[in-house]
């Protein structure tokens, strides 16, 4: 139950979870994504006798943004090209499609495209450039993830170790 404040966790699990901000609300979901087994233990909830709840409408937006963040991180943290590549490809293909349509307009009707569709041509160019940049961000993200997972491995291999005879020191 995400709503209750009564929770129990193993310390070694919590030390492994990347928690920051107000992510403590979603520890069960994050822990489950990391492979932890979750169980619910029934408790008797005691109704509030004094004070009032701090939960209100303003907290709803923060929780929604936290949910989006967790969804994004759990889904794309280890494969950023799947997210940025998809967006980049859609932008690039959209820009190319608009550019192709403008080219057909020029070839078929012979109309001056720039005076008639100048803003659309600029929009197509922006879509293509933004798409290529998103693809580049996705590739840089993949490089970063690869570096993270391979940081303990050496980028070289040692085939043979030679031990030299100890040298004698001069008097």
N, C-alpha and C. Protein backbone atom coordinates (compact mmCIF):
# COMPACT_ATOMS: atom_id res chain seq x y z
N UNK A 1 0.86 -1.18 0.00
CA UNK A 1 0.00 0.00 0.00
C UNK A 1 0.90 1.23 0.00
N UNK A 2 0.79 2.04 -1.03
CA UNK A 2 1.64 3.22 -1.14
C UNK A 2 1.17 4.35 -0.22
N UNK A 3 -0.07 4.29 0.23
CA UNK A 3 -0.62 5.39 1.00
C UNK A 3 -0.25 5.39 2.47
N UNK A 4 0.00 4.24 3.02
CA UNK A 4 0.28 4.17 4.45
C UNK A 4 1.72 4.56 4.75
N UNK A 5 1.94 5.04 5.95
CA UNK A 5 3.30 5.40 6.34
C UNK A 5 3.99 4.25 7.06
N UNK A 6 3.27 3.15 7.29
CA UNK A 6 3.86 1.99 7.96
C UNK A 6 4.50 1.10 6.92
N UNK A 7 5.83 1.04 6.96
CA UNK A 7 6.56 0.21 6.00
C UNK A 7 7.76 -0.40 6.71
N UNK A 8 8.16 -1.57 6.26
CA UNK A 8 9.35 -2.22 6.81
C UNK A 8 10.18 -2.73 5.64
N UNK A 9 11.48 -2.47 5.69
CA UNK A 9 12.39 -2.88 4.61
C UNK A 9 13.66 -3.44 5.22
N UNK A 10 14.37 -4.20 4.43
CA UNK A 10 15.70 -4.64 4.83
C UNK A 10 16.68 -3.51 4.52
N UNK A 11 17.59 -3.28 5.44
CA UNK A 11 18.54 -2.19 5.29
C UNK A 11 19.41 -2.32 4.06
N UNK A 12 19.86 -3.56 3.75
CA UNK A 12 20.73 -3.73 2.58
C UNK A 12 20.00 -3.40 1.29
N UNK A 13 18.69 -3.62 1.25
CA UNK A 13 17.90 -3.25 0.08
C UNK A 13 17.85 -1.73 -0.07
N UNK A 14 17.53 -1.04 1.01
CA UNK A 14 17.41 0.42 0.93
C UNK A 14 18.73 1.09 0.57
N UNK A 15 19.83 0.53 1.01
CA UNK A 15 21.13 1.13 0.68
C UNK A 15 21.45 1.00 -0.81
N UNK A 16 20.83 0.05 -1.48
CA UNK A 16 21.09 -0.14 -2.91
C UNK A 16 20.19 0.70 -3.81
N UNK A 17 19.09 1.20 -3.27
CA UNK A 17 18.13 1.93 -4.10
C UNK A 17 18.57 3.37 -4.32
N UNK A 18 18.46 3.86 -5.55
CA UNK A 18 18.83 5.25 -5.83
C UNK A 18 17.69 6.20 -5.47
N UNK A 19 17.63 6.60 -4.22
CA UNK A 19 16.54 7.46 -3.76
C UNK A 19 17.03 8.90 -3.63
N UNK A 20 16.21 9.81 -4.08
CA UNK A 20 16.49 11.23 -3.91
C UNK A 20 15.16 11.97 -3.97
N UNK A 21 15.16 13.21 -3.54
CA UNK A 21 13.92 13.99 -3.57
C UNK A 21 12.85 13.33 -2.73
N UNK A 22 11.68 13.19 -3.31
CA UNK A 22 10.55 12.58 -2.61
C UNK A 22 10.24 11.18 -3.13
N UNK A 23 11.27 10.49 -3.58
CA UNK A 23 11.10 9.15 -4.13
C UNK A 23 10.78 8.11 -3.06
N UNK A 24 10.89 8.48 -1.79
CA UNK A 24 10.60 7.52 -0.72
C UNK A 24 9.17 7.00 -0.80
N UNK A 25 8.29 7.76 -1.42
CA UNK A 25 6.90 7.32 -1.55
C UNK A 25 6.78 6.07 -2.41
N UNK A 26 7.72 5.89 -3.32
CA UNK A 26 7.61 4.82 -4.31
C UNK A 26 8.64 3.72 -4.10
N UNK A 27 9.13 3.59 -2.87
CA UNK A 27 10.12 2.55 -2.59
C UNK A 27 9.62 1.16 -2.99
N UNK A 28 8.37 0.78 -2.73
CA UNK A 28 7.94 -0.56 -3.16
C UNK A 28 8.07 -0.78 -4.67
N UNK A 29 7.70 0.21 -5.47
CA UNK A 29 7.80 0.07 -6.92
C UNK A 29 9.24 0.01 -7.38
N UNK A 30 10.09 0.86 -6.82
CA UNK A 30 11.50 0.87 -7.20
C UNK A 30 12.17 -0.43 -6.75
N UNK A 31 11.87 -0.87 -5.54
CA UNK A 31 12.46 -2.11 -5.03
C UNK A 31 12.02 -3.30 -5.87
N UNK A 32 10.77 -3.32 -6.27
CA UNK A 32 10.27 -4.40 -7.11
C UNK A 32 10.99 -4.42 -8.46
N UNK A 33 11.24 -3.24 -9.02
CA UNK A 33 11.97 -3.16 -10.29
C UNK A 33 13.40 -3.65 -10.14
N UNK A 34 13.96 -3.55 -8.95
CA UNK A 34 15.31 -4.04 -8.69
C UNK A 34 15.32 -5.51 -8.29
N UNK A 35 14.16 -6.16 -8.31
CA UNK A 35 14.10 -7.59 -8.06
C UNK A 35 13.71 -8.00 -6.66
N UNK A 36 13.37 -7.06 -5.80
CA UNK A 36 12.99 -7.41 -4.43
C UNK A 36 11.60 -8.02 -4.43
N UNK A 37 11.37 -8.93 -3.51
CA UNK A 37 10.02 -9.48 -3.35
C UNK A 37 9.28 -8.62 -2.33
N UNK A 38 8.07 -8.27 -2.67
CA UNK A 38 7.26 -7.36 -1.86
C UNK A 38 6.07 -8.15 -1.32
N UNK A 39 5.78 -7.96 -0.06
CA UNK A 39 4.57 -8.55 0.50
C UNK A 39 3.88 -7.51 1.36
N UNK A 40 2.60 -7.67 1.51
CA UNK A 40 1.82 -6.74 2.31
C UNK A 40 1.39 -7.45 3.59
N UNK A 41 1.62 -6.80 4.69
CA UNK A 41 1.24 -7.35 5.99
C UNK A 41 0.07 -6.52 6.49
N UNK A 42 -1.07 -7.16 6.77
CA UNK A 42 -2.22 -6.38 7.23
C UNK A 42 -1.97 -5.78 8.62
N UNK A 43 -2.36 -4.54 8.77
CA UNK A 43 -2.25 -3.85 10.06
C UNK A 43 -3.59 -3.17 10.35
N UNK A 44 -3.77 -2.80 11.57
CA UNK A 44 -4.97 -2.05 11.92
C UNK A 44 -4.61 -0.57 11.88
N UNK A 45 -5.25 0.14 10.99
CA UNK A 45 -4.97 1.56 10.84
C UNK A 45 -5.81 2.35 11.84
N UNK A 46 -5.15 3.17 12.61
CA UNK A 46 -5.85 3.96 13.63
C UNK A 46 -6.20 5.31 13.03
N UNK A 47 -7.45 5.70 13.17
CA UNK A 47 -7.90 6.98 12.63
C UNK A 47 -7.26 8.13 13.40
N UNK A 48 -7.03 9.23 12.69
CA UNK A 48 -6.42 10.43 13.26
C UNK A 48 -7.38 11.04 14.27
N UNK A 49 -6.84 11.38 15.44
CA UNK A 49 -7.67 12.02 16.46
C UNK A 49 -7.35 13.51 16.58
N UNK A 50 -6.15 13.91 16.18
CA UNK A 50 -5.76 15.31 16.27
C UNK A 50 -5.07 15.74 14.99
N UNK A 51 -5.06 17.04 14.75
CA UNK A 51 -4.38 17.60 13.59
C UNK A 51 -5.11 17.31 12.30
N UNK A 52 -4.48 17.69 11.19
CA UNK A 52 -5.10 17.44 9.89
C UNK A 52 -4.04 16.92 8.92
N UNK A 53 -4.48 16.33 7.88
CA UNK A 53 -3.58 15.74 6.90
C UNK A 53 -2.87 16.85 6.12
N UNK A 54 -1.61 16.60 5.78
CA UNK A 54 -0.85 17.53 4.95
C UNK A 54 -1.04 17.27 3.47
N UNK A 55 -1.75 16.21 3.15
CA UNK A 55 -1.98 15.91 1.75
C UNK A 55 -3.09 16.81 1.23
N UNK A 56 -2.83 17.43 0.11
CA UNK A 56 -3.81 18.30 -0.51
C UNK A 56 -3.67 18.24 -2.02
N UNK A 57 -4.41 19.09 -2.68
CA UNK A 57 -4.42 19.11 -4.13
C UNK A 57 -3.06 19.50 -4.70
N UNK A 58 -2.33 20.38 -4.01
CA UNK A 58 -1.03 20.83 -4.52
C UNK A 58 -0.01 19.69 -4.56
N UNK A 59 -0.12 18.74 -3.67
CA UNK A 59 0.82 17.63 -3.64
C UNK A 59 0.57 16.65 -4.78
N UNK A 60 -0.62 16.67 -5.35
CA UNK A 60 -0.98 15.76 -6.43
C UNK A 60 -0.05 15.94 -7.62
N UNK A 61 0.24 17.19 -7.98
CA UNK A 61 1.10 17.43 -9.14
C UNK A 61 2.53 16.95 -8.89
N UNK A 62 3.04 17.16 -7.69
CA UNK A 62 4.39 16.68 -7.38
C UNK A 62 4.45 15.16 -7.46
N UNK A 63 3.42 14.50 -6.95
CA UNK A 63 3.39 13.04 -7.00
C UNK A 63 3.30 12.56 -8.44
N UNK A 64 2.51 13.25 -9.27
CA UNK A 64 2.41 12.86 -10.69
C UNK A 64 3.76 13.01 -11.39
N UNK A 65 4.46 14.10 -11.12
CA UNK A 65 5.78 14.29 -11.73
C UNK A 65 6.77 13.23 -11.24
N UNK A 66 6.68 12.88 -9.96
CA UNK A 66 7.54 11.82 -9.43
C UNK A 66 7.22 10.48 -10.10
N UNK A 67 5.94 10.21 -10.33
CA UNK A 67 5.55 8.97 -11.01
C UNK A 67 6.10 8.93 -12.43
N UNK A 68 6.03 10.06 -13.14
CA UNK A 68 6.57 10.12 -14.50
C UNK A 68 8.07 9.90 -14.47
N UNK A 69 8.75 10.50 -13.49
CA UNK A 69 10.20 10.34 -13.36
C UNK A 69 10.56 8.88 -13.11
N UNK A 70 9.85 8.23 -12.20
CA UNK A 70 10.13 6.83 -11.90
C UNK A 70 9.86 5.94 -13.10
N UNK A 71 8.74 6.20 -13.78
CA UNK A 71 8.41 5.43 -14.98
C UNK A 71 9.53 5.57 -16.02
N UNK A 72 9.97 6.81 -16.24
CA UNK A 72 11.03 7.06 -17.22
C UNK A 72 12.33 6.38 -16.82
N UNK A 73 12.74 6.54 -15.57
CA UNK A 73 14.01 5.97 -15.13
C UNK A 73 14.00 4.45 -15.17
N UNK A 74 12.91 3.85 -14.69
CA UNK A 74 12.86 2.39 -14.67
C UNK A 74 12.78 1.80 -16.08
N UNK A 75 12.15 2.53 -16.98
CA UNK A 75 11.97 2.00 -18.33
C UNK A 75 13.17 2.26 -19.25
N UNK A 76 13.78 3.44 -19.11
CA UNK A 76 14.80 3.84 -20.08
C UNK A 76 16.18 4.10 -19.50
N UNK A 77 16.39 3.88 -18.22
CA UNK A 77 17.69 4.20 -17.62
C UNK A 77 18.83 3.41 -18.26
N UNK A 78 18.60 2.16 -18.57
CA UNK A 78 19.68 1.35 -19.14
C UNK A 78 19.62 1.28 -20.66
N UNK A 79 18.69 1.98 -21.29
CA UNK A 79 18.60 2.01 -22.75
C UNK A 79 18.05 3.35 -23.24
N UNK A 80 18.83 4.40 -23.09
CA UNK A 80 18.35 5.75 -23.44
C UNK A 80 18.07 5.94 -24.92
N UNK A 81 18.73 5.17 -25.78
CA UNK A 81 18.48 5.33 -27.21
C UNK A 81 17.06 4.91 -27.58
N UNK A 82 16.46 4.02 -26.81
CA UNK A 82 15.09 3.62 -27.09
C UNK A 82 14.14 4.80 -26.93
N UNK A 83 14.41 5.68 -25.99
CA UNK A 83 13.56 6.86 -25.79
C UNK A 83 13.94 7.98 -26.74
N UNK A 84 15.20 8.41 -26.66
CA UNK A 84 15.62 9.55 -27.47
C UNK A 84 15.68 9.19 -28.95
N UNK A 85 16.01 7.95 -29.26
CA UNK A 85 16.04 7.52 -30.65
C UNK A 85 14.67 7.53 -31.28
N UNK A 86 13.68 7.08 -30.52
CA UNK A 86 12.31 7.08 -31.04
C UNK A 86 11.84 8.50 -31.31
N UNK A 87 12.07 9.40 -30.35
CA UNK A 87 11.69 10.80 -30.56
C UNK A 87 12.46 11.42 -31.72
N UNK A 88 13.76 11.14 -31.76
CA UNK A 88 14.59 11.69 -32.83
C UNK A 88 14.17 11.18 -34.19
N UNK A 89 13.87 9.89 -34.27
CA UNK A 89 13.44 9.32 -35.54
C UNK A 89 12.12 9.90 -35.99
N UNK A 90 11.18 10.07 -35.06
CA UNK A 90 9.89 10.68 -35.42
C UNK A 90 10.07 12.10 -35.91
N UNK A 91 10.89 12.89 -35.22
CA UNK A 91 11.14 14.26 -35.65
C UNK A 91 11.80 14.30 -37.02
N UNK A 92 12.84 13.49 -37.19
CA UNK A 92 13.57 13.49 -38.45
C UNK A 92 12.67 13.05 -39.60
N UNK A 93 11.92 11.98 -39.41
CA UNK A 93 11.02 11.50 -40.47
C UNK A 93 9.92 12.51 -40.75
N UNK A 94 9.42 13.17 -39.71
CA UNK A 94 8.41 14.22 -39.92
C UNK A 94 8.97 15.37 -40.73
N UNK A 95 10.17 15.81 -40.41
CA UNK A 95 10.80 16.90 -41.16
C UNK A 95 11.09 16.51 -42.60
N UNK A 96 11.57 15.28 -42.80
CA UNK A 96 11.84 14.81 -44.16
C UNK A 96 10.54 14.70 -44.95
N UNK A 97 9.47 14.23 -44.31
CA UNK A 97 8.17 14.12 -44.99
C UNK A 97 7.66 15.49 -45.42
N UNK A 98 7.76 16.46 -44.53
CA UNK A 98 7.32 17.82 -44.88
C UNK A 98 8.19 18.37 -46.01
N UNK A 99 9.50 18.16 -45.92
CA UNK A 99 10.40 18.61 -46.98
C UNK A 99 10.11 17.94 -48.30
N UNK A 100 9.80 16.64 -48.27
CA UNK A 100 9.46 15.92 -49.50
C UNK A 100 8.16 16.46 -50.09
N UNK A 101 7.19 16.74 -49.23
CA UNK A 101 5.92 17.31 -49.71
C UNK A 101 6.16 18.68 -50.35
N UNK A 102 7.00 19.50 -49.73
CA UNK A 102 7.32 20.81 -50.29
C UNK A 102 8.04 20.66 -51.64
N UNK A 103 8.93 19.68 -51.74
CA UNK A 103 9.62 19.43 -53.00
C UNK A 103 8.63 19.01 -54.09
N UNK A 104 7.68 18.15 -53.73
CA UNK A 104 6.65 17.76 -54.70
C UNK A 104 5.81 18.95 -55.13
N UNK A 105 5.49 19.83 -54.19
CA UNK A 105 4.73 21.04 -54.54
C UNK A 105 5.50 21.86 -55.57
N UNK A 106 6.78 21.98 -55.37
CA UNK A 106 7.62 22.75 -56.29
C UNK A 106 7.68 22.08 -57.65
N UNK A 107 7.87 20.75 -57.67
CA UNK A 107 8.02 20.04 -58.93
C UNK A 107 6.71 19.92 -59.70
N UNK A 108 5.61 19.69 -59.00
CA UNK A 108 4.33 19.46 -59.67
C UNK A 108 3.68 20.77 -60.10
N UNK A 109 3.59 21.70 -59.18
CA UNK A 109 2.88 22.96 -59.49
C UNK A 109 3.82 24.03 -60.01
N UNK A 110 5.09 23.90 -59.74
CA UNK A 110 6.04 24.92 -60.16
C UNK A 110 5.95 26.20 -59.34
N UNK A 111 5.20 26.14 -58.25
CA UNK A 111 5.01 27.33 -57.41
C UNK A 111 6.28 27.63 -56.63
N UNK A 112 6.44 28.89 -56.30
CA UNK A 112 7.56 29.30 -55.46
C UNK A 112 7.25 28.86 -54.03
N UNK A 113 7.99 27.90 -53.55
CA UNK A 113 7.69 27.29 -52.25
C UNK A 113 8.02 28.23 -51.10
N UNK A 114 9.13 28.92 -51.19
CA UNK A 114 9.56 29.76 -50.07
C UNK A 114 8.56 30.87 -49.75
N UNK A 115 8.06 31.63 -50.74
CA UNK A 115 7.07 32.66 -50.38
C UNK A 115 5.76 32.08 -49.87
N UNK A 116 5.37 30.90 -50.41
CA UNK A 116 4.09 30.31 -50.01
C UNK A 116 4.19 29.51 -48.72
N UNK A 117 5.25 28.76 -48.58
CA UNK A 117 5.38 27.84 -47.44
C UNK A 117 6.69 28.04 -46.70
N UNK A 118 7.16 29.25 -46.60
CA UNK A 118 8.43 29.53 -45.93
C UNK A 118 8.48 29.04 -44.49
N UNK A 119 7.46 29.39 -43.67
CA UNK A 119 7.49 28.91 -42.28
C UNK A 119 7.46 27.38 -42.18
N UNK A 120 6.74 26.74 -43.10
CA UNK A 120 6.68 25.27 -43.08
C UNK A 120 8.05 24.68 -43.43
N UNK A 121 8.77 25.33 -44.33
CA UNK A 121 10.11 24.86 -44.69
C UNK A 121 11.06 25.01 -43.50
N UNK A 122 10.94 26.12 -42.80
CA UNK A 122 11.77 26.32 -41.60
C UNK A 122 11.41 25.28 -40.54
N UNK A 123 10.11 25.01 -40.38
CA UNK A 123 9.66 24.00 -39.42
C UNK A 123 10.22 22.63 -39.77
N UNK A 124 10.24 22.28 -41.06
CA UNK A 124 10.79 21.00 -41.49
C UNK A 124 12.28 20.92 -41.16
N UNK A 125 13.00 22.00 -41.39
CA UNK A 125 14.43 22.01 -41.08
C UNK A 125 14.66 21.87 -39.58
N UNK A 126 13.84 22.55 -38.79
CA UNK A 126 13.97 22.45 -37.33
C UNK A 126 13.68 21.03 -36.86
N UNK A 127 12.65 20.40 -37.44
CA UNK A 127 12.33 19.02 -37.07
C UNK A 127 13.50 18.08 -37.39
N UNK A 128 14.09 18.25 -38.56
CA UNK A 128 15.20 17.38 -38.94
C UNK A 128 16.39 17.58 -38.00
N UNK A 129 16.74 18.84 -37.74
CA UNK A 129 17.88 19.11 -36.86
C UNK A 129 17.61 18.64 -35.43
N UNK A 130 16.41 18.89 -34.93
CA UNK A 130 16.07 18.45 -33.57
C UNK A 130 16.10 16.92 -33.49
N UNK A 131 15.61 16.26 -34.54
CA UNK A 131 15.63 14.81 -34.56
C UNK A 131 17.04 14.25 -34.54
N UNK A 132 17.92 14.86 -35.32
CA UNK A 132 19.31 14.40 -35.33
C UNK A 132 19.97 14.65 -33.98
N UNK A 133 19.65 15.77 -33.35
CA UNK A 133 20.21 16.04 -32.03
C UNK A 133 19.69 15.05 -30.99
N UNK A 134 18.41 14.71 -31.06
CA UNK A 134 17.87 13.72 -30.12
C UNK A 134 18.52 12.35 -30.33
N UNK A 135 18.75 11.99 -31.58
CA UNK A 135 19.47 10.74 -31.85
C UNK A 135 20.87 10.79 -31.25
N UNK A 136 21.54 11.93 -31.39
CA UNK A 136 22.89 12.07 -30.82
C UNK A 136 22.85 11.98 -29.30
N UNK A 137 21.84 12.59 -28.67
CA UNK A 137 21.71 12.50 -27.21
C UNK A 137 21.49 11.04 -26.79
N UNK A 138 20.67 10.32 -27.55
CA UNK A 138 20.45 8.91 -27.25
C UNK A 138 21.73 8.09 -27.36
N UNK A 139 22.52 8.36 -28.39
CA UNK A 139 23.79 7.65 -28.55
C UNK A 139 24.77 8.00 -27.43
N UNK A 140 24.81 9.27 -27.04
CA UNK A 140 25.67 9.66 -25.92
C UNK A 140 25.20 9.00 -24.62
N UNK A 141 23.88 8.90 -24.46
CA UNK A 141 23.34 8.20 -23.30
C UNK A 141 23.74 6.73 -23.29
N UNK A 142 23.67 6.10 -24.46
CA UNK A 142 24.09 4.69 -24.56
C UNK A 142 25.57 4.55 -24.22
N UNK A 143 26.38 5.49 -24.69
CA UNK A 143 27.80 5.47 -24.37
C UNK A 143 28.02 5.61 -22.87
N UNK A 144 27.26 6.48 -22.25
CA UNK A 144 27.37 6.69 -20.81
C UNK A 144 26.95 5.43 -20.04
N UNK A 145 25.87 4.81 -20.46
CA UNK A 145 25.41 3.57 -19.80
C UNK A 145 26.45 2.47 -19.99
N UNK A 146 26.98 2.35 -21.20
CA UNK A 146 28.00 1.34 -21.46
C UNK A 146 29.22 1.57 -20.58
N UNK A 147 29.64 2.83 -20.47
CA UNK A 147 30.79 3.16 -19.63
C UNK A 147 30.51 2.83 -18.17
N UNK A 148 29.29 3.10 -17.73
CA UNK A 148 28.92 2.82 -16.34
C UNK A 148 29.00 1.33 -16.04
N UNK A 149 28.44 0.51 -16.92
CA UNK A 149 28.42 -0.93 -16.67
C UNK A 149 29.77 -1.59 -16.90
N UNK A 150 30.64 -0.95 -17.65
CA UNK A 150 31.95 -1.54 -17.92
C UNK A 150 33.09 -0.81 -17.22
N UNK A 151 32.76 0.02 -16.25
CA UNK A 151 33.80 0.82 -15.61
C UNK A 151 34.77 -0.03 -14.79
N UNK A 152 34.33 -1.19 -14.33
CA UNK A 152 35.23 -2.03 -13.55
C UNK A 152 36.11 -2.91 -14.43
N UNK A 153 35.79 -2.96 -15.71
CA UNK A 153 36.58 -3.78 -16.64
C UNK A 153 37.63 -2.91 -17.32
N UNK A 154 38.76 -3.49 -17.58
CA UNK A 154 39.84 -2.75 -18.24
C UNK A 154 39.59 -2.74 -19.75
N UNK A 155 39.96 -1.67 -20.43
CA UNK A 155 39.79 -1.64 -21.88
C UNK A 155 40.92 -2.36 -22.62
N UNK A 156 41.72 -3.12 -21.88
CA UNK A 156 42.82 -3.87 -22.49
C UNK A 156 42.93 -5.22 -21.78
N UNK A 157 43.68 -6.13 -22.36
CA UNK A 157 43.88 -7.45 -21.77
C UNK A 157 45.37 -7.70 -21.64
N UNK A 158 45.77 -8.35 -20.57
CA UNK A 158 47.17 -8.70 -20.34
C UNK A 158 47.33 -10.17 -20.72
N UNK A 159 48.14 -10.44 -21.74
CA UNK A 159 48.29 -11.82 -22.18
C UNK A 159 49.39 -12.55 -21.42
N UNK A 160 50.50 -11.87 -21.15
CA UNK A 160 51.62 -12.51 -20.48
C UNK A 160 52.25 -11.52 -19.51
N UNK A 161 52.63 -12.03 -18.35
CA UNK A 161 53.33 -11.21 -17.36
C UNK A 161 54.75 -11.73 -17.27
N UNK A 162 55.71 -10.88 -17.52
CA UNK A 162 57.12 -11.24 -17.44
C UNK A 162 57.67 -10.72 -16.13
N UNK A 163 58.37 -11.57 -15.42
CA UNK A 163 59.02 -11.16 -14.18
C UNK A 163 60.52 -11.10 -14.45
N UNK A 164 61.08 -9.95 -14.32
CA UNK A 164 62.51 -9.77 -14.55
C UNK A 164 63.28 -10.22 -13.32
N UNK A 165 64.49 -10.65 -13.56
CA UNK A 165 65.35 -11.04 -12.44
C UNK A 165 65.66 -9.80 -11.62
N UNK A 166 65.73 -9.95 -10.31
CA UNK A 166 66.02 -8.77 -9.49
C UNK A 166 67.40 -8.22 -9.82
N UNK A 167 67.49 -6.94 -9.94
CA UNK A 167 68.77 -6.32 -10.25
C UNK A 167 69.55 -6.09 -8.97
N UNK A 168 70.85 -6.14 -9.09
CA UNK A 168 71.70 -5.94 -7.92
C UNK A 168 71.98 -4.46 -7.76
N UNK A 169 71.94 -4.01 -6.55
CA UNK A 169 72.20 -2.61 -6.27
C UNK A 169 73.69 -2.37 -6.17
N UNK A 170 74.13 -1.28 -6.71
CA UNK A 170 75.56 -0.92 -6.65
C UNK A 170 75.89 -0.41 -5.26
N UNK A 171 77.14 -0.67 -4.83
CA UNK A 171 77.56 -0.23 -3.49
C UNK A 171 77.77 1.24 -3.43
